[in-house]
Amino acid sequence: MAAYRLQKRCDEEAVFVVEGAKMCAEALTSGFRVRTVCAVAEWLHAHSSALDCEAYEVSPAELERLSNFKSPNQVWMLLERPDNSQFSILNSQLILALDRIQDPGNMGTMLRTADWFGIRHVVCSHDTVSCYNPKVVQATMGAIFRTQVDYVDLPQWLSQSGMPVYGASLQGKRLSTISLEHSTPKVLVIGNESRGISPAVMACVSHPVLIPNLGGTAESLNASVAAGILMNWMTNKE
């Protein structure tokens, strides 16, 4: 089982790891197929009726050896990744596009925030961190089970989408001066934490937008914070 801690092995077998009592309980009701569960006796007893997979009782010490985290919490679970071709888009009014996002915490937080605002479809450049990275999965706080994430040639996907594309840019127009187009769906692009949106993707952005620096002292906003501000603005603007 320890081999599954290696992202490459998970990618090859199209699986991902979920840990912790809360996340694993949610996984059981998510519709995702659970392949393997390793858990302490108390957790297995409490959830035995919901398990339809290989299940192994392990000691806290064995769970610690499996875990990606310093403080394991009762259960380690291996799930099969969904077939996105079968995924039903629940809300296509706004699609989030992520360009070269590298930090797992930022990625997971953005998926969690998208879930909060009812955004169910996220497209990512191929060089964005995997949504199945264990740190991303945990940071989503369950949003991974409710959000379709696709990895695409982002400039090509945007250029062929026919949708208005809004992108966070220091050269954009202030939010207060912009009227959202009424056509749906729309796309919101968030770029790399330090380099912003790549030139190839920026060429597809029809509406560059700027979050004004009212304090005038901070150099920049965290990418996930900027994404949250813009998601709120776009979902509450109409």
C-alpha atoms as a PDB file:
ATOM      1  CA  MET A   1       0.000   0.000   0.000  1.00  0.00           C
ATOM      2  CA  ALA A   2       2.826   2.416   0.699  1.00  0.00           C
ATOM      3  CA  ALA A   3       3.580   2.547  -3.016  1.00  0.00           C
ATOM      4  CA  TYR A   4       0.344   4.428  -3.551  1.00  0.00           C
ATOM      5  CA  ARG A   5       1.915   7.386  -1.809  1.00  0.00           C
ATOM      6  CA  LEU A   6       3.850   7.897  -5.026  1.00  0.00           C
ATOM      7  CA  GLN A   7       1.888  10.184  -7.335  1.00  0.00           C
ATOM      8  CA  LYS A   8       3.242   8.436 -10.423  1.00  0.00           C
ATOM      9  CA  ARG A   9       1.766   5.102  -9.322  1.00  0.00           C
ATOM     10  CA  CYS A  10      -1.590   6.742  -8.627  1.00  0.00           C
ATOM     11  CA  ASP A  11      -1.543   8.397 -12.045  1.00  0.00           C
ATOM     12  CA  GLU A  12      -0.759   5.111 -13.768  1.00  0.00           C
ATOM     13  CA  GLU A  13      -3.675   3.335 -12.074  1.00  0.00           C
ATOM     14  CA  ALA A  14      -6.074   6.330 -12.187  1.00  0.00           C
ATOM     15  CA  VAL A  15      -6.621   6.327  -8.442  1.00  0.00           C
ATOM     16  CA  PHE A  16      -6.190   8.839  -5.646  1.00  0.00           C
ATOM     17  CA  VAL A  17      -5.823   8.847  -1.884  1.00  0.00           C
ATOM     18  CA  VAL A  18      -8.224  10.366   0.638  1.00  0.00           C
ATOM     19  CA  GLU A  19      -7.479  10.480   4.357  1.00  0.00           C
ATOM     20  CA  GLY A  20      -9.296  11.412   7.535  1.00  0.00           C
ATOM     21  CA  ALA A  21     -12.644  10.504   9.044  1.00  0.00           C
ATOM     22  CA  LYS A  22     -14.607  13.443   7.617  1.00  0.00           C
ATOM     23  CA  MET A  23     -13.292  13.266   4.062  1.00  0.00           C
ATOM     24  CA  CYS A  24     -13.580   9.481   3.885  1.00  0.00           C
ATOM     25  CA  ALA A  25     -17.145   9.497   5.213  1.00  0.00           C
ATOM     26  CA  GLU A  26     -18.010  11.980   2.472  1.00  0.00           C
ATOM     27  CA  ALA A  27     -16.263   9.809  -0.105  1.00  0.00           C
ATOM     28  CA  LEU A  28     -18.594   6.928   0.763  1.00  0.00           C
ATOM     29  CA  THR A  29     -21.624   9.002  -0.268  1.00  0.00           C
ATOM     30  CA  SER A  30     -19.986  10.757  -3.229  1.00  0.00           C
ATOM     31  CA  GLY A  31     -20.641   8.174  -5.908  1.00  0.00           C
ATOM     32  CA  PHE A  32     -16.904   7.675  -6.433  1.00  0.00           C
ATOM     33  CA  ARG A  33     -15.821   4.040  -6.496  1.00  0.00           C
ATOM     34  CA  VAL A  34     -13.790   3.101  -3.426  1.00  0.00           C
ATOM     35  CA  ARG A  35     -11.136   0.478  -4.151  1.00  0.00           C
ATOM     36  CA  THR A  36      -9.474  -0.022  -0.755  1.00  0.00           C
ATOM     37  CA  VAL A  37      -9.940   1.116   2.832  1.00  0.00           C
ATOM     38  CA  CYS A  38      -7.388   0.839   5.637  1.00  0.00           C
ATOM     39  CA  ALA A  39      -8.761   1.974   8.965  1.00  0.00           C
ATOM     40  CA  VAL A  40      -8.676   1.476  12.679  1.00  0.00           C
ATOM     41  CA  ALA A  41     -11.249  -0.914  14.152  1.00  0.00           C
ATOM     42  CA  GLU A  42     -13.529   1.822  15.492  1.00  0.00           C
ATOM     43  CA  TRP A  43     -13.937   3.461  12.085  1.00  0.00           C
ATOM     44  CA  LEU A  44     -14.497   0.157  10.287  1.00  0.00           C
ATOM     45  CA  HIS A  45     -17.185  -0.854  12.767  1.00  0.00           C
ATOM     46  CA  ALA A  46     -19.005   2.465  12.408  1.00  0.00           C
ATOM     47  CA  HIS A  47     -19.035   2.355   8.584  1.00  0.00           C
ATOM     48  CA  SER A  48     -19.183  -1.368   7.838  1.00  0.00           C
ATOM     49  CA  SER A  49     -22.647  -1.187   6.250  1.00  0.00           C
ATOM     50  CA  ALA A  50     -21.461   1.398   3.695  1.00  0.00           C
ATOM     51  CA  LEU A  51     -18.337  -0.471   2.584  1.00  0.00           C
ATOM     52  CA  ASP A  52     -18.346  -2.433  -0.664  1.00  0.00           C
ATOM     53  CA  CYS A  53     -14.618  -2.812  -1.249  1.00  0.00           C
ATOM     54  CA  GLU A  54     -11.449  -4.314   0.172  1.00  0.00           C
ATOM     55  CA  ALA A  55     -11.257  -3.229   3.825  1.00  0.00           C
ATOM     56  CA  TYR A  56      -8.357  -3.820   6.190  1.00  0.00           C
ATOM     57  CA  GLU A  57      -8.134  -3.190   9.894  1.00  0.00           C
ATOM     58  CA  VAL A  58      -4.837  -1.517  10.772  1.00  0.00           C
ATOM     59  CA  SER A  59      -3.234  -0.250  13.928  1.00  0.00           C
ATOM     60  CA  PRO A  60      -2.533   3.476  14.467  1.00  0.00           C
ATOM     61  CA  ALA A  61       1.159   2.752  13.837  1.00  0.00           C
ATOM     62  CA  GLU A  62       0.409   1.035  10.519  1.00  0.00           C
ATOM     63  CA  LEU A  63      -1.896   3.889   9.523  1.00  0.00           C
ATOM     64  CA  GLU A  64       0.897   6.343  10.232  1.00  0.00           C
ATOM     65  CA  ARG A  65       3.175   4.492   7.827  1.00  0.00           C
ATOM     66  CA  LEU A  66       0.535   4.715   5.102  1.00  0.00           C
ATOM     67  CA  SER A  67      -0.343   8.338   5.660  1.00  0.00           C
ATOM     68  CA  ASN A  68       0.932  11.400   3.831  1.00  0.00           C
ATOM     69  CA  PHE A  69       0.352  13.458   6.974  1.00  0.00           C
ATOM     70  CA  LYS A  70       2.078  13.841  10.307  1.00  0.00           C
ATOM     71  CA  SER A  71      -1.103  13.144  12.281  1.00  0.00           C
ATOM     72  CA  PRO A  72      -3.160  10.384  10.589  1.00  0.00           C
ATOM     73  CA  ASN A  73      -6.861  10.331  11.401  1.00  0.00           C
ATOM     74  CA  GLN A  74      -8.493   6.878  11.626  1.00  0.00           C
ATOM     75  CA  VAL A  75      -8.740   5.986   7.946  1.00  0.00           C
ATOM     76  CA  TRP A  76      -6.856   5.870   4.635  1.00  0.00           C
ATOM     77  CA  MET A  77      -8.831   5.298   1.445  1.00  0.00           C
ATOM     78  CA  LEU A  78      -7.991   4.610  -2.192  1.00  0.00           C
ATOM     79  CA  LEU A  79     -10.565   5.796  -4.742  1.00  0.00           C
ATOM     80  CA  GLU A  80     -10.853   5.430  -8.496  1.00  0.00           C
ATOM     81  CA  ARG A  81     -10.783   8.661 -10.444  1.00  0.00           C
ATOM     82  CA  PRO A  82     -14.032   9.492 -12.227  1.00  0.00           C
ATOM     83  CA  ASP A  83     -14.534   9.228 -15.948  1.00  0.00           C
ATOM     84  CA  ASN A  84     -15.190  12.875 -16.729  1.00  0.00           C
ATOM     85  CA  SER A  85     -16.865  11.975 -20.005  1.00  0.00           C
ATOM     86  CA  GLN A  86     -19.707  10.655 -17.839  1.00  0.00           C
ATOM     87  CA  PHE A  87     -19.741  13.653 -15.494  1.00  0.00           C
ATOM     88  CA  SER A  88     -22.873  15.799 -15.422  1.00  0.00           C
ATOM     89  CA  ILE A  89     -22.150  19.545 -15.286  1.00  0.00           C
ATOM     90  CA  LEU A  90     -24.420  20.907 -12.569  1.00  0.00           C
ATOM     91  CA  ASN A  91     -23.789  24.598 -13.257  1.00  0.00           C
ATOM     92  CA  SER A  92     -22.189  25.980 -16.395  1.00  0.00           C
ATOM     93  CA  GLN A  93     -22.823  29.691 -15.830  1.00  0.00           C
ATOM     94  CA  LEU A  94     -19.189  30.161 -14.859  1.00  0.00           C
ATOM     95  CA  ILE A  95     -16.185  27.956 -15.603  1.00  0.00           C
ATOM     96  CA  LEU A  96     -12.934  28.406 -13.704  1.00  0.00           C
ATOM     97  CA  ALA A  97      -9.714  28.070 -15.725  1.00  0.00           C
ATOM     98  CA  LEU A  98      -6.371  27.640 -13.962  1.00  0.00           C
ATOM     99  CA  ASP A  99      -3.154  28.444 -15.790  1.00  0.00           C
ATOM    100  CA  ARG A 100       0.108  26.981 -14.407  1.00  0.00           C
ATOM    101  CA  ILE A 101      -1.046  26.916 -10.749  1.00  0.00           C
ATOM    102  CA  GLN A 102       1.728  25.150  -8.832  1.00  0.00           C
ATOM    103  CA  ASP A 103       0.974  25.278  -5.119  1.00  0.00           C
ATOM    104  CA  PRO A 104      -1.211  22.362  -3.929  1.00  0.00           C
ATOM    105  CA  GLY A 105      -2.709  24.467  -1.139  1.00  0.00           C
ATOM    106  CA  ASN A 106      -3.746  27.177  -3.586  1.00  0.00           C
ATOM    107  CA  MET A 107      -5.187  24.621  -5.986  1.00  0.00           C
ATOM    108  CA  GLY A 108      -7.220  22.889  -3.292  1.00  0.00           C
ATOM    109  CA  THR A 109      -8.461  26.182  -1.869  1.00  0.00           C
ATOM    110  CA  MET A 110      -9.606  27.352  -5.304  1.00  0.00           C
ATOM    111  CA  LEU A 111     -11.562  24.141  -5.855  1.00  0.00           C
ATOM    112  CA  ARG A 112     -13.117  24.523  -2.407  1.00  0.00           C
ATOM    113  CA  THR A 113     -14.052  28.143  -3.166  1.00  0.00           C
ATOM    114  CA  ALA A 114     -15.444  27.202  -6.581  1.00  0.00           C
ATOM    115  CA  ASP A 115     -17.625  24.618  -4.844  1.00  0.00           C
ATOM    116  CA  TRP A 116     -18.899  27.320  -2.465  1.00  0.00           C
ATOM    117  CA  PHE A 117     -20.001  29.482  -5.391  1.00  0.00           C
ATOM    118  CA  GLY A 118     -21.589  26.590  -7.271  1.00  0.00           C
ATOM    119  CA  ILE A 119     -18.904  26.368  -9.959  1.00  0.00           C
ATOM    120  CA  ARG A 120     -18.808  22.721 -11.005  1.00  0.00           C
ATOM    121  CA  HIS A 121     -16.441  22.794 -13.966  1.00  0.00           C
ATOM    122  CA  VAL A 122     -12.734  23.671 -13.738  1.00  0.00           C
ATOM    123  CA  VAL A 123     -10.312  23.462 -16.669  1.00  0.00           C
ATOM    124  CA  CYS A 124      -6.553  23.485 -16.108  1.00  0.00           C
ATOM    125  CA  SER A 125      -3.443  23.816 -18.207  1.00  0.00           C
ATOM    126  CA  HIS A 126      -1.409  20.618 -18.389  1.00  0.00           C
ATOM    127  CA  ASP A 127       1.308  22.213 -16.232  1.00  0.00           C
ATOM    128  CA  THR A 128      -1.076  22.949 -13.349  1.00  0.00           C
ATOM    129  CA  VAL A 129      -0.603  20.777 -10.259  1.00  0.00           C
ATOM    130  CA  SER A 130      -2.692  17.594 -10.297  1.00  0.00           C
ATOM    131  CA  CYS A 131      -6.037  17.868  -8.571  1.00  0.00           C
ATOM    132  CA  TYR A 132      -5.316  14.360  -7.236  1.00  0.00           C
ATOM    133  CA  ASN A 133      -2.154  15.407  -5.432  1.00  0.00           C
ATOM    134  CA  PRO A 134      -2.842  14.327  -1.818  1.00  0.00           C
ATOM    135  CA  LYS A 135      -2.334  17.860  -0.489  1.00  0.00           C
ATOM    136  CA  VAL A 136      -4.745  19.246  -3.090  1.00  0.00           C
ATOM    137  CA  VAL A 137      -7.353  16.605  -2.261  1.00  0.00           C
ATOM    138  CA  GLN A 138      -7.250  17.392   1.459  1.00  0.00           C
ATOM    139  CA  ALA A 139      -7.325  21.162   0.872  1.00  0.00           C
ATOM    140  CA  THR A 140     -10.519  20.846  -1.175  1.00  0.00           C
ATOM    141  CA  MET A 141     -12.394  19.703   1.963  1.00  0.00           C
ATOM    142  CA  GLY A 142     -14.634  17.487  -0.168  1.00  0.00           C
ATOM    143  CA  ALA A 143     -15.008  19.759  -3.203  1.00  0.00           C
ATOM    144  CA  ILE A 144     -13.037  17.194  -5.228  1.00  0.00           C
ATOM    145  CA  PHE A 145     -16.157  14.998  -5.103  1.00  0.00           C
ATOM    146  CA  ARG A 146     -18.424  17.711  -6.541  1.00  0.00           C
ATOM    147  CA  THR A 147     -16.257  19.375  -9.180  1.00  0.00           C
ATOM    148  CA  GLN A 148     -15.237  18.202 -12.628  1.00  0.00           C
ATOM    149  CA  VAL A 149     -11.586  19.047 -13.288  1.00  0.00           C
ATOM    150  CA  ASP A 150     -10.213  18.658 -16.816  1.00  0.00           C
ATOM    151  CA  TYR A 151      -6.621  19.135 -18.002  1.00  0.00           C
ATOM    152  CA  VAL A 152      -6.462  20.623 -21.488  1.00  0.00           C
ATOM    153  CA  ASP A 153      -4.386  22.622 -23.937  1.00  0.00           C
ATOM    154  CA  LEU A 154      -5.729  25.769 -22.323  1.00  0.00           C
ATOM    155  CA  PRO A 155      -5.100  28.335 -25.108  1.00  0.00           C
ATOM    156  CA  GLN A 156      -6.697  25.989 -27.643  1.00  0.00           C
ATOM    157  CA  TRP A 157      -9.635  25.210 -25.360  1.00  0.00           C
ATOM    158  CA  LEU A 158     -10.310  28.882 -24.672  1.00  0.00           C
ATOM    159  CA  SER A 159     -10.002  29.927 -28.309  1.00  0.00           C
ATOM    160  CA  GLN A 160     -12.452  27.229 -29.371  1.00  0.00           C
ATOM    161  CA  SER A 161     -14.933  27.784 -26.528  1.00  0.00           C
ATOM    162  CA  GLY A 162     -16.697  30.808 -28.006  1.00  0.00           C
ATOM    163  CA  MET A 163     -17.224  32.121 -24.472  1.00  0.00           C
ATOM    164  CA  PRO A 164     -16.277  35.506 -23.004  1.00  0.00           C
ATOM    165  CA  VAL A 165     -13.057  35.044 -21.048  1.00  0.00           C
ATOM    166  CA  TYR A 166     -12.235  37.132 -17.985  1.00  0.00           C
ATOM    167  CA  GLY A 167      -8.703  37.062 -16.627  1.00  0.00           C
ATOM    168  CA  ALA A 168      -6.978  38.508 -13.570  1.00  0.00           C
ATOM    169  CA  SER A 169      -4.343  40.978 -14.782  1.00  0.00           C
ATOM    170  CA  LEU A 170      -2.435  43.966 -13.411  1.00  0.00           C
ATOM    171  CA  GLN A 171      -3.107  45.591 -16.792  1.00  0.00           C
ATOM    172  CA  GLY A 172      -6.856  44.968 -16.606  1.00  0.00           C
ATOM    173  CA  LYS A 173      -9.763  47.286 -15.945  1.00  0.00           C
ATOM    174  CA  ARG A 174     -10.959  47.894 -12.387  1.00  0.00           C
ATOM    175  CA  LEU A 175     -13.868  45.679 -11.383  1.00  0.00           C
ATOM    176  CA  SER A 176     -16.097  48.673 -10.683  1.00  0.00           C
ATOM    177  CA  THR A 177     -15.854  49.784 -14.325  1.00  0.00           C
ATOM    178  CA  ILE A 178     -16.768  46.444 -15.924  1.00  0.00           C
ATOM    179  CA  SER A 179     -20.200  45.154 -16.880  1.00  0.00           C
ATOM    180  CA  LEU A 180     -20.394  41.396 -17.257  1.00  0.00           C
ATOM    181  CA  GLU A 181     -21.640  40.059 -20.562  1.00  0.00           C
ATOM    182  CA  HIS A 182     -25.055  38.453 -20.207  1.00  0.00           C
ATOM    183  CA  SER A 183     -24.183  35.431 -22.323  1.00  0.00           C
ATOM    184  CA  THR A 184     -23.459  32.258 -20.403  1.00  0.00           C
ATOM    185  CA  PRO A 185     -21.311  30.432 -19.697  1.00  0.00           C
ATOM    186  CA  LYS A 186     -18.318  32.648 -18.998  1.00  0.00           C
ATOM    187  CA  VAL A 187     -14.748  31.719 -18.129  1.00  0.00           C
ATOM    188  CA  LEU A 188     -12.601  33.138 -15.327  1.00  0.00           C
ATOM    189  CA  VAL A 189      -8.843  32.590 -15.731  1.00  0.00           C
ATOM    190  CA  ILE A 190      -6.433  32.638 -12.779  1.00  0.00           C
ATOM    191  CA  GLY A 191      -2.724  32.552 -13.557  1.00  0.00           C
ATOM    192  CA  ASN A 192       0.449  31.317 -11.924  1.00  0.00           C
ATOM    193  CA  GLU A 193       1.195  32.468  -8.382  1.00  0.00           C
ATOM    194  CA  SER A 194       4.276  34.502  -9.337  1.00  0.00           C
ATOM    195  CA  ARG A 195       4.089  34.933 -13.120  1.00  0.00           C
ATOM    196  CA  GLY A 196       0.379  35.442 -13.684  1.00  0.00           C
ATOM    197  CA  ILE A 197      -1.419  34.364 -16.843  1.00  0.00           C
ATOM    198  CA  SER A 198       0.868  33.061 -19.581  1.00  0.00           C
ATOM    199  CA  PRO A 199       1.105  35.095 -22.824  1.00  0.00           C
ATOM    200  CA  ALA A 200      -0.570  32.344 -24.868  1.00  0.00           C
ATOM    201  CA  VAL A 201      -3.546  32.211 -22.493  1.00  0.00           C
ATOM    202  CA  MET A 202      -3.690  36.005 -22.102  1.00  0.00           C
ATOM    203  CA  ALA A 203      -4.141  36.256 -25.870  1.00  0.00           C
ATOM    204  CA  CYS A 204      -7.467  34.454 -25.367  1.00  0.00           C
ATOM    205  CA  VAL A 205      -8.654  36.757 -22.553  1.00  0.00           C
ATOM    206  CA  SER A 206     -11.331  39.102 -23.879  1.00  0.00           C
ATOM    207  CA  HIS A 207     -11.860  40.915 -20.576  1.00  0.00           C
ATOM    208  CA  PRO A 208      -8.721  41.515 -18.418  1.00  0.00           C
ATOM    209  CA  VAL A 209      -9.807  42.579 -14.921  1.00  0.00           C
ATOM    210  CA  LEU A 210      -7.947  44.247 -12.085  1.00  0.00           C
ATOM    211  CA  ILE A 211      -8.611  43.916  -8.360  1.00  0.00           C
ATOM    212  CA  PRO A 212      -7.653  47.427  -7.160  1.00  0.00           C
ATOM    213  CA  ASN A 213      -4.895  47.691  -4.564  1.00  0.00           C
ATOM    214  CA  LEU A 214      -6.683  50.039  -2.184  1.00  0.00           C
ATOM    215  CA  GLY A 215      -3.999  49.777   0.486  1.00  0.00           C
ATOM    216  CA  GLY A 216      -1.262  50.648  -1.956  1.00  0.00           C
ATOM    217  CA  THR A 217       1.402  48.784  -0.010  1.00  0.00           C
ATOM    218  CA  ALA A 218       1.051  45.034  -0.652  1.00  0.00           C
ATOM    219  CA  GLU A 219       2.895  43.832  -3.737  1.00  0.00           C
ATOM    220  CA  SER A 220       0.344  41.227  -4.758  1.00  0.00           C
ATOM    221  CA  LEU A 221      -2.589  39.049  -3.716  1.00  0.00           C
ATOM    222  CA  ASN A 222      -2.360  35.327  -3.082  1.00  0.00           C
ATOM    223  CA  ALA A 223      -3.715  33.530  -6.164  1.00  0.00           C
ATOM    224  CA  SER A 224      -6.448  31.704  -4.267  1.00  0.00           C
ATOM    225  CA  VAL A 225      -7.542  34.924  -2.543  1.00  0.00           C
ATOM    226  CA  ALA A 226      -7.726  36.721  -5.901  1.00  0.00           C
ATOM    227  CA  ALA A 227      -9.705  33.801  -7.321  1.00  0.00           C
ATOM    228  CA  GLY A 228     -12.170  33.982  -4.432  1.00  0.00           C
ATOM    229  CA  ILE A 229     -12.720  37.728  -4.895  1.00  0.00           C
ATOM    230  CA  LEU A 230     -13.326  37.337  -8.617  1.00  0.00           C
ATOM    231  CA  MET A 231     -15.591  34.302  -8.243  1.00  0.00           C
ATOM    232  CA  ASN A 232     -17.694  36.252  -5.769  1.00  0.00           C
ATOM    233  CA  TRP A 233     -17.792  39.257  -8.111  1.00  0.00           C
ATOM    234  CA  MET A 234     -18.826  37.209 -11.136  1.00  0.00           C
ATOM    235  CA  THR A 235     -21.447  35.062  -9.443  1.00  0.00           C
ATOM    236  CA  ASN A 236     -23.106  37.989  -7.659  1.00  0.00           C
ATOM    237  CA  LYS A 237     -22.856  40.579 -10.440  1.00  0.00           C
ATOM    238  CA  GLU A 238     -25.812  39.567 -12.577  1.00  0.00           C
END
